[in-house]
């Protein structure tokens, strides 16, 4: 005879499984300094969700934007922001800083 999970048990299982998947999410740090992204090229594993931690060391805001990733986020001056991307197929995914488009350029390489 099978036992049914109570609603409380089901919620607990859901919370624990979501926490373990969050803990396993790789964190990639990208810094913004002098209107440039450091590193400008970020290599991540293909088919894996990653957490981008964007740290703006400039006193002015910058906007992380990527058309192919469908992401845009303003990072205030001397502030931080988090963006989740993926899982991504193998390939290159360009991003740019919309407020400094001539200098703030980068790409994510999934391999």
N, C-alpha and C. Protein backbone atom coordinates (compact mmCIF):
# COMPACT_ATOMS: atom_id res chain seq x y z
N UNK A 1 0.83 -1.18 0.00
CA UNK A 1 0.00 0.00 0.00
C UNK A 1 0.88 1.26 0.00
N UNK A 2 0.64 2.14 -0.95
CA UNK A 2 1.41 3.38 -1.06
C UNK A 2 0.86 4.42 -0.11
N UNK A 3 1.79 5.19 0.49
CA UNK A 3 1.40 6.30 1.34
C UNK A 3 1.39 7.57 0.51
N UNK A 4 0.41 8.40 0.71
CA UNK A 4 0.37 9.71 0.05
C UNK A 4 1.14 10.71 0.89
N UNK A 5 1.80 11.63 0.21
CA UNK A 5 2.49 12.70 0.91
C UNK A 5 1.48 13.74 1.37
N UNK A 6 1.65 14.24 2.58
CA UNK A 6 0.79 15.32 3.06
C UNK A 6 1.18 16.60 2.32
N UNK A 7 0.33 17.59 2.39
CA UNK A 7 0.61 18.86 1.73
C UNK A 7 1.89 19.48 2.29
N UNK A 8 2.08 19.37 3.60
CA UNK A 8 3.28 19.91 4.23
C UNK A 8 4.52 19.19 3.74
N UNK A 9 4.47 17.87 3.64
CA UNK A 9 5.61 17.09 3.15
C UNK A 9 5.93 17.44 1.70
N UNK A 10 4.89 17.61 0.91
CA UNK A 10 5.08 17.96 -0.50
C UNK A 10 5.74 19.33 -0.63
N UNK A 11 5.31 20.29 0.18
CA UNK A 11 5.92 21.63 0.14
C UNK A 11 7.38 21.55 0.56
N UNK A 12 7.68 20.78 1.60
CA UNK A 12 9.05 20.64 2.08
C UNK A 12 9.94 20.01 1.01
N UNK A 13 9.46 18.97 0.34
CA UNK A 13 10.23 18.33 -0.73
C UNK A 13 10.48 19.33 -1.86
N UNK A 14 9.48 20.11 -2.21
CA UNK A 14 9.63 21.11 -3.27
C UNK A 14 10.67 22.16 -2.89
N UNK A 15 10.62 22.65 -1.66
CA UNK A 15 11.57 23.66 -1.20
C UNK A 15 12.98 23.10 -1.20
N UNK A 16 13.16 21.91 -0.67
CA UNK A 16 14.49 21.31 -0.61
C UNK A 16 15.06 21.05 -1.99
N UNK A 17 14.24 20.58 -2.92
CA UNK A 17 14.76 20.32 -4.26
C UNK A 17 15.09 21.62 -4.98
N UNK A 18 14.32 22.68 -4.75
CA UNK A 18 14.64 23.95 -5.41
C UNK A 18 15.89 24.57 -4.80
N UNK A 19 16.11 24.40 -3.50
CA UNK A 19 17.31 24.94 -2.86
C UNK A 19 18.55 24.22 -3.36
N UNK A 20 18.47 22.92 -3.56
CA UNK A 20 19.65 22.20 -4.05
C UNK A 20 19.98 22.60 -5.48
N UNK A 21 18.97 22.90 -6.30
CA UNK A 21 19.27 23.33 -7.67
C UNK A 21 19.83 24.75 -7.68
N UNK A 22 19.39 25.60 -6.74
CA UNK A 22 19.93 26.94 -6.66
C UNK A 22 21.39 26.89 -6.21
N UNK A 23 21.67 26.04 -5.23
CA UNK A 23 23.04 25.93 -4.72
C UNK A 23 23.99 25.43 -5.80
N UNK A 24 23.49 24.65 -6.74
CA UNK A 24 24.34 24.08 -7.78
C UNK A 24 24.54 25.04 -8.96
N UNK A 25 23.84 26.17 -8.97
CA UNK A 25 23.94 27.11 -10.07
C UNK A 25 25.29 27.83 -10.03
N UNK A 26 26.10 27.68 -11.10
CA UNK A 26 27.39 28.38 -11.12
C UNK A 26 27.20 29.90 -11.10
N UNK A 27 28.08 30.59 -10.40
CA UNK A 27 28.04 32.05 -10.32
C UNK A 27 29.24 32.61 -11.10
N UNK A 28 28.94 33.48 -12.05
CA UNK A 28 29.97 34.11 -12.87
C UNK A 28 29.96 35.60 -12.55
N UNK A 29 31.13 36.13 -12.18
CA UNK A 29 31.24 37.54 -11.82
C UNK A 29 31.74 38.34 -13.02
N UNK A 30 31.01 39.40 -13.32
CA UNK A 30 31.41 40.34 -14.38
C UNK A 30 31.45 41.72 -13.75
N UNK A 31 32.58 42.40 -13.89
CA UNK A 31 32.74 43.74 -13.33
C UNK A 31 32.65 44.78 -14.45
N UNK A 32 32.14 45.94 -14.11
CA UNK A 32 32.09 47.07 -15.03
C UNK A 32 33.02 48.13 -14.45
N UNK A 33 34.02 48.48 -15.23
CA UNK A 33 35.02 49.46 -14.78
C UNK A 33 35.44 50.29 -15.99
N UNK A 34 35.44 51.60 -15.86
CA UNK A 34 35.81 52.51 -16.95
C UNK A 34 34.98 52.22 -18.21
N UNK A 35 33.73 51.90 -18.01
CA UNK A 35 32.77 51.63 -19.10
C UNK A 35 33.16 50.41 -19.93
N UNK A 36 33.81 49.43 -19.30
CA UNK A 36 34.19 48.17 -19.94
C UNK A 36 33.74 47.01 -19.06
N UNK A 37 33.47 45.87 -19.69
CA UNK A 37 33.15 44.65 -18.95
C UNK A 37 34.43 43.86 -18.72
N UNK A 38 34.63 43.37 -17.50
CA UNK A 38 35.77 42.52 -17.15
C UNK A 38 35.26 41.25 -16.50
N UNK A 39 35.46 40.10 -17.09
CA UNK A 39 36.05 39.87 -18.41
C UNK A 39 35.03 40.19 -19.50
N UNK A 40 35.54 40.51 -20.67
CA UNK A 40 34.67 40.80 -21.81
C UNK A 40 34.13 39.53 -22.44
N UNK A 41 34.84 38.42 -22.27
CA UNK A 41 34.37 37.11 -22.76
C UNK A 41 34.25 36.17 -21.56
N UNK A 42 33.07 35.62 -21.41
CA UNK A 42 32.79 34.71 -20.31
C UNK A 42 32.45 33.35 -20.89
N UNK A 43 33.18 32.33 -20.47
CA UNK A 43 32.92 30.97 -20.92
C UNK A 43 32.12 30.24 -19.85
N UNK A 44 30.99 29.66 -20.28
CA UNK A 44 30.14 28.91 -19.36
C UNK A 44 29.87 27.53 -19.95
N UNK A 45 29.47 26.58 -19.13
CA UNK A 45 29.12 25.27 -19.68
C UNK A 45 27.79 25.36 -20.45
N UNK A 46 27.74 24.72 -21.59
CA UNK A 46 26.50 24.67 -22.36
C UNK A 46 25.46 23.88 -21.57
N UNK A 47 24.20 24.16 -21.84
CA UNK A 47 23.08 23.45 -21.24
C UNK A 47 23.06 23.53 -19.72
N UNK A 48 23.55 24.65 -19.18
CA UNK A 48 23.59 24.85 -17.74
C UNK A 48 23.09 26.25 -17.41
N UNK A 49 22.21 26.36 -16.44
CA UNK A 49 21.77 27.67 -15.98
C UNK A 49 22.88 28.29 -15.15
N UNK A 50 23.18 29.57 -15.37
CA UNK A 50 24.22 30.26 -14.61
C UNK A 50 23.66 31.57 -14.06
N UNK A 51 24.29 32.00 -13.00
CA UNK A 51 23.94 33.27 -12.34
C UNK A 51 25.06 34.26 -12.63
N UNK A 52 24.74 35.35 -13.31
CA UNK A 52 25.71 36.41 -13.56
C UNK A 52 25.60 37.43 -12.43
N UNK A 53 26.70 37.65 -11.75
CA UNK A 53 26.77 38.69 -10.72
C UNK A 53 27.49 39.87 -11.35
N UNK A 54 26.75 40.94 -11.61
CA UNK A 54 27.30 42.13 -12.26
C UNK A 54 27.63 43.16 -11.18
N UNK A 55 28.88 43.60 -11.16
CA UNK A 55 29.35 44.57 -10.17
C UNK A 55 29.82 45.81 -10.92
N UNK A 56 29.12 46.90 -10.71
CA UNK A 56 29.46 48.15 -11.39
C UNK A 56 30.38 48.96 -10.48
N UNK A 57 31.64 49.05 -10.84
CA UNK A 57 32.61 49.82 -10.08
C UNK A 57 32.67 51.29 -10.50
N UNK A 58 31.94 51.64 -11.55
CA UNK A 58 31.88 53.02 -12.01
C UNK A 58 30.86 53.79 -11.17
N UNK A 59 31.03 55.11 -11.04
CA UNK A 59 30.05 55.90 -10.29
C UNK A 59 28.75 56.14 -11.06
N UNK A 60 28.76 55.85 -12.36
CA UNK A 60 27.59 56.06 -13.20
C UNK A 60 26.90 54.74 -13.50
N UNK A 61 25.60 54.76 -13.78
CA UNK A 61 24.90 53.51 -14.07
C UNK A 61 25.30 52.95 -15.43
N UNK A 62 25.08 51.65 -15.59
CA UNK A 62 25.27 50.98 -16.88
C UNK A 62 24.12 49.99 -17.03
N UNK A 63 23.74 49.75 -18.27
CA UNK A 63 22.68 48.78 -18.54
C UNK A 63 23.27 47.58 -19.27
N UNK A 64 23.17 46.42 -18.66
CA UNK A 64 23.55 45.16 -19.31
C UNK A 64 22.40 44.82 -20.23
N UNK A 65 22.70 44.62 -21.51
CA UNK A 65 21.65 44.27 -22.46
C UNK A 65 22.14 43.24 -23.45
N UNK A 66 21.26 42.30 -23.77
CA UNK A 66 21.54 41.30 -24.79
C UNK A 66 20.25 40.96 -25.50
N UNK A 67 20.23 41.19 -26.79
CA UNK A 67 19.04 40.85 -27.57
C UNK A 67 18.86 39.34 -27.66
N UNK A 68 19.96 38.61 -27.89
CA UNK A 68 19.84 37.15 -28.07
C UNK A 68 19.51 36.43 -26.77
N UNK A 69 19.91 37.01 -25.65
CA UNK A 69 19.57 36.41 -24.34
C UNK A 69 18.25 36.94 -23.80
N UNK A 70 17.71 37.96 -24.46
CA UNK A 70 16.47 38.59 -24.02
C UNK A 70 16.59 39.08 -22.57
N UNK A 71 17.68 39.78 -22.29
CA UNK A 71 17.94 40.30 -20.95
C UNK A 71 18.34 41.77 -21.03
N UNK A 72 17.85 42.54 -20.07
CA UNK A 72 18.31 43.91 -19.90
C UNK A 72 18.11 44.29 -18.44
N UNK A 73 19.15 44.90 -17.89
CA UNK A 73 19.12 45.24 -16.47
C UNK A 73 20.03 46.43 -16.23
N UNK A 74 19.52 47.44 -15.55
CA UNK A 74 20.33 48.60 -15.18
C UNK A 74 21.05 48.28 -13.87
N UNK A 75 22.35 48.54 -13.84
CA UNK A 75 23.15 48.39 -12.64
C UNK A 75 23.55 49.79 -12.22
N UNK A 76 23.08 50.22 -11.08
CA UNK A 76 23.38 51.58 -10.61
C UNK A 76 24.87 51.74 -10.37
N UNK A 77 25.33 52.98 -10.36
CA UNK A 77 26.74 53.25 -10.08
C UNK A 77 27.14 52.69 -8.72
N UNK A 78 28.29 52.01 -8.68
CA UNK A 78 28.79 51.37 -7.46
C UNK A 78 27.79 50.36 -6.89
N UNK A 79 27.02 49.73 -7.77
CA UNK A 79 26.01 48.78 -7.34
C UNK A 79 26.23 47.40 -7.93
N UNK A 80 25.31 46.49 -7.59
CA UNK A 80 25.37 45.11 -8.06
C UNK A 80 24.00 44.69 -8.58
N UNK A 81 24.01 43.70 -9.45
CA UNK A 81 22.77 43.12 -9.96
C UNK A 81 23.03 41.65 -10.30
N UNK A 82 21.96 40.89 -10.32
CA UNK A 82 22.03 39.47 -10.66
C UNK A 82 21.14 39.22 -11.86
N UNK A 83 21.67 38.46 -12.81
CA UNK A 83 20.91 38.04 -13.98
C UNK A 83 21.14 36.54 -14.17
N UNK A 84 20.07 35.79 -14.31
CA UNK A 84 20.18 34.37 -14.62
C UNK A 84 20.07 34.18 -16.13
N UNK A 85 20.93 33.33 -16.69
CA UNK A 85 20.86 32.98 -18.10
C UNK A 85 20.96 31.47 -18.24
N UNK A 86 20.40 30.97 -19.32
CA UNK A 86 20.51 29.56 -19.63
C UNK A 86 19.36 28.76 -19.08
N UNK A 87 19.48 27.47 -19.34
CA UNK A 87 20.56 26.77 -20.04
C UNK A 87 20.64 27.21 -21.51
N UNK A 88 21.87 27.33 -22.00
CA UNK A 88 22.12 27.80 -23.36
C UNK A 88 22.74 26.69 -24.21
N UNK A 89 22.35 26.65 -25.47
CA UNK A 89 23.01 25.76 -26.43
C UNK A 89 24.43 26.28 -26.65
N UNK A 90 25.32 25.42 -27.11
CA UNK A 90 26.68 25.85 -27.42
C UNK A 90 26.62 26.98 -28.45
N UNK A 91 27.43 28.01 -28.22
CA UNK A 91 27.44 29.15 -29.14
C UNK A 91 27.90 30.41 -28.44
N UNK A 92 27.82 31.52 -29.17
CA UNK A 92 28.23 32.82 -28.65
C UNK A 92 27.01 33.71 -28.51
N UNK A 93 26.95 34.44 -27.39
CA UNK A 93 25.81 35.28 -27.05
C UNK A 93 26.34 36.67 -26.67
N UNK A 94 26.28 37.64 -27.60
CA UNK A 94 26.82 38.97 -27.32
C UNK A 94 25.95 39.75 -26.32
N UNK A 95 26.61 40.62 -25.57
CA UNK A 95 25.92 41.56 -24.70
C UNK A 95 26.65 42.90 -24.77
N UNK A 96 26.00 43.95 -24.32
CA UNK A 96 26.61 45.28 -24.37
C UNK A 96 26.04 46.15 -23.26
N UNK A 97 26.75 47.23 -22.99
CA UNK A 97 26.26 48.24 -22.06
C UNK A 97 25.57 49.32 -22.87
N UNK A 98 24.29 49.44 -22.69
CA UNK A 98 23.54 50.37 -23.54
C UNK A 98 23.94 51.82 -23.33
N UNK A 99 24.43 52.17 -22.15
CA UNK A 99 24.81 53.56 -21.90
C UNK A 99 26.19 53.90 -22.45
N UNK A 100 26.97 52.89 -22.79
CA UNK A 100 28.32 53.09 -23.34
C UNK A 100 28.57 52.04 -24.43
N UNK A 101 27.76 52.10 -25.47
CA UNK A 101 27.76 51.04 -26.49
C UNK A 101 29.06 50.93 -27.27
N UNK A 102 29.86 51.97 -27.32
CA UNK A 102 31.10 51.89 -28.10
C UNK A 102 32.21 51.18 -27.32
N UNK A 103 32.11 51.13 -26.00
CA UNK A 103 33.18 50.51 -25.21
C UNK A 103 32.73 49.29 -24.42
N UNK A 104 31.52 49.31 -23.89
CA UNK A 104 31.04 48.22 -23.03
C UNK A 104 30.46 47.09 -23.88
N UNK A 105 31.35 46.21 -24.35
CA UNK A 105 30.95 45.11 -25.23
C UNK A 105 31.48 43.81 -24.65
N UNK A 106 30.71 42.75 -24.80
CA UNK A 106 31.17 41.45 -24.33
C UNK A 106 30.36 40.33 -24.95
N UNK A 107 30.73 39.09 -24.55
CA UNK A 107 29.95 37.95 -25.03
C UNK A 107 30.11 36.79 -24.07
N UNK A 108 29.06 35.99 -24.03
CA UNK A 108 29.06 34.74 -23.30
C UNK A 108 29.29 33.65 -24.31
N UNK A 109 30.21 32.76 -24.01
CA UNK A 109 30.50 31.62 -24.89
C UNK A 109 30.10 30.36 -24.14
N UNK A 110 29.10 29.69 -24.65
CA UNK A 110 28.65 28.43 -24.05
C UNK A 110 29.31 27.29 -24.81
N UNK A 111 30.03 26.43 -24.06
CA UNK A 111 30.68 25.29 -24.73
C UNK A 111 30.61 24.05 -23.87
